[in-house]
């Protein structure tokens, strides 16, 4: 999803695995406000993407021996 958003020049708000409830609450309480007032892009989006990528495993669990 992120790559498709990036490739098409659109904003992306990830839902972080293991933090789904917090992620959705953030969409409702913070991200939507920042989107409406034009402050989502840039520092804020970079911050939430950093958290998102930090939670991704390098190898899927089924490939780890």
C-alpha atoms as a PDB file:
ATOM      1  CA  UNK A   1       0.000   0.000   0.000  1.00  0.00           C
ATOM      2  CA  UNK A   2       2.791   2.412   0.891  1.00  0.00           C
ATOM      3  CA  UNK A   3       4.622   1.841  -2.380  1.00  0.00           C
ATOM      4  CA  UNK A   4       1.441   2.399  -4.392  1.00  0.00           C
ATOM      5  CA  UNK A   5       0.773   5.634  -2.510  1.00  0.00           C
ATOM      6  CA  UNK A   6       4.357   6.799  -2.961  1.00  0.00           C
ATOM      7  CA  UNK A   7       4.420   5.893  -6.652  1.00  0.00           C
ATOM      8  CA  UNK A   8       1.225   7.864  -7.215  1.00  0.00           C
ATOM      9  CA  UNK A   9       2.229  10.870  -5.139  1.00  0.00           C
ATOM     10  CA  UNK A  10      -0.491  10.503  -2.527  1.00  0.00           C
ATOM     11  CA  UNK A  11      -0.362  10.662   1.251  1.00  0.00           C
ATOM     12  CA  UNK A  12      -0.242   7.433   3.236  1.00  0.00           C
ATOM     13  CA  UNK A  13      -1.326   6.772   6.796  1.00  0.00           C
ATOM     14  CA  UNK A  14      -0.200   3.288   7.824  1.00  0.00           C
ATOM     15  CA  UNK A  15      -1.951   0.988  10.244  1.00  0.00           C
ATOM     16  CA  UNK A  16       0.867  -0.469  12.325  1.00  0.00           C
ATOM     17  CA  UNK A  17       0.783  -4.223  12.920  1.00  0.00           C
ATOM     18  CA  UNK A  18       0.364  -4.955  16.596  1.00  0.00           C
ATOM     19  CA  UNK A  19      -0.787  -1.382  17.190  1.00  0.00           C
ATOM     20  CA  UNK A  20      -3.955  -1.461  15.129  1.00  0.00           C
ATOM     21  CA  UNK A  21      -6.226   0.127  17.721  1.00  0.00           C
ATOM     22  CA  UNK A  22      -3.756   2.926  18.417  1.00  0.00           C
ATOM     23  CA  UNK A  23      -3.226   3.431  14.682  1.00  0.00           C
ATOM     24  CA  UNK A  24      -6.941   3.798  13.973  1.00  0.00           C
ATOM     25  CA  UNK A  25      -7.389   6.113  16.954  1.00  0.00           C
ATOM     26  CA  UNK A  26      -4.525   8.187  15.590  1.00  0.00           C
ATOM     27  CA  UNK A  27      -6.229   8.370  12.182  1.00  0.00           C
ATOM     28  CA  UNK A  28      -9.400   9.679  13.798  1.00  0.00           C
ATOM     29  CA  UNK A  29      -7.874  12.014  16.366  1.00  0.00           C
ATOM     30  CA  UNK A  30      -4.662  13.321  14.788  1.00  0.00           C
ATOM     31  CA  UNK A  31      -4.073  12.392  11.154  1.00  0.00           C
ATOM     32  CA  UNK A  32      -7.488  13.477   9.910  1.00  0.00           C
ATOM     33  CA  UNK A  33      -7.057  16.886  11.550  1.00  0.00           C
ATOM     34  CA  UNK A  34      -3.575  17.317  10.097  1.00  0.00           C
ATOM     35  CA  UNK A  35      -4.847  16.251   6.679  1.00  0.00           C
ATOM     36  CA  UNK A  36      -7.631  18.834   6.777  1.00  0.00           C
ATOM     37  CA  UNK A  37      -5.383  21.667   7.919  1.00  0.00           C
ATOM     38  CA  UNK A  38      -2.576  20.808   5.482  1.00  0.00           C
ATOM     39  CA  UNK A  39       0.072  19.699   7.985  1.00  0.00           C
ATOM     40  CA  UNK A  40       0.010  15.941   7.351  1.00  0.00           C
ATOM     41  CA  UNK A  41       2.658  15.920   4.606  1.00  0.00           C
ATOM     42  CA  UNK A  42       6.260  16.291   5.670  1.00  0.00           C
ATOM     43  CA  UNK A  43       7.447  15.918   9.237  1.00  0.00           C
ATOM     44  CA  UNK A  44       4.266  14.287  10.550  1.00  0.00           C
ATOM     45  CA  UNK A  45       3.972  11.721   7.759  1.00  0.00           C
ATOM     46  CA  UNK A  46       7.692  10.973   8.028  1.00  0.00           C
ATOM     47  CA  UNK A  47       7.246  10.300  11.753  1.00  0.00           C
ATOM     48  CA  UNK A  48       4.369   7.843  11.357  1.00  0.00           C
ATOM     49  CA  UNK A  49       6.115   6.090   8.468  1.00  0.00           C
ATOM     50  CA  UNK A  50       9.237   5.682  10.601  1.00  0.00           C
ATOM     51  CA  UNK A  51       7.152   3.933  13.271  1.00  0.00           C
ATOM     52  CA  UNK A  52       5.471   1.795  10.610  1.00  0.00           C
ATOM     53  CA  UNK A  53       8.716   0.636   9.003  1.00  0.00           C
ATOM     54  CA  UNK A  54      10.317  -0.041  12.388  1.00  0.00           C
ATOM     55  CA  UNK A  55       7.657  -2.686  13.073  1.00  0.00           C
ATOM     56  CA  UNK A  56       8.118  -4.577   9.818  1.00  0.00           C
ATOM     57  CA  UNK A  57      10.165  -7.755   9.942  1.00  0.00           C
ATOM     58  CA  UNK A  58      12.950  -8.162   7.423  1.00  0.00           C
ATOM     59  CA  UNK A  59      11.842 -11.742   6.816  1.00  0.00           C
ATOM     60  CA  UNK A  60       8.265 -13.022   7.037  1.00  0.00           C
ATOM     61  CA  UNK A  61       7.778 -15.271  10.062  1.00  0.00           C
ATOM     62  CA  UNK A  62       7.231 -18.311   7.835  1.00  0.00           C
ATOM     63  CA  UNK A  63      10.680 -17.906   6.267  1.00  0.00           C
ATOM     64  CA  UNK A  64      12.574 -17.622   9.539  1.00  0.00           C
ATOM     65  CA  UNK A  65      14.023 -20.946  10.614  1.00  0.00           C
END
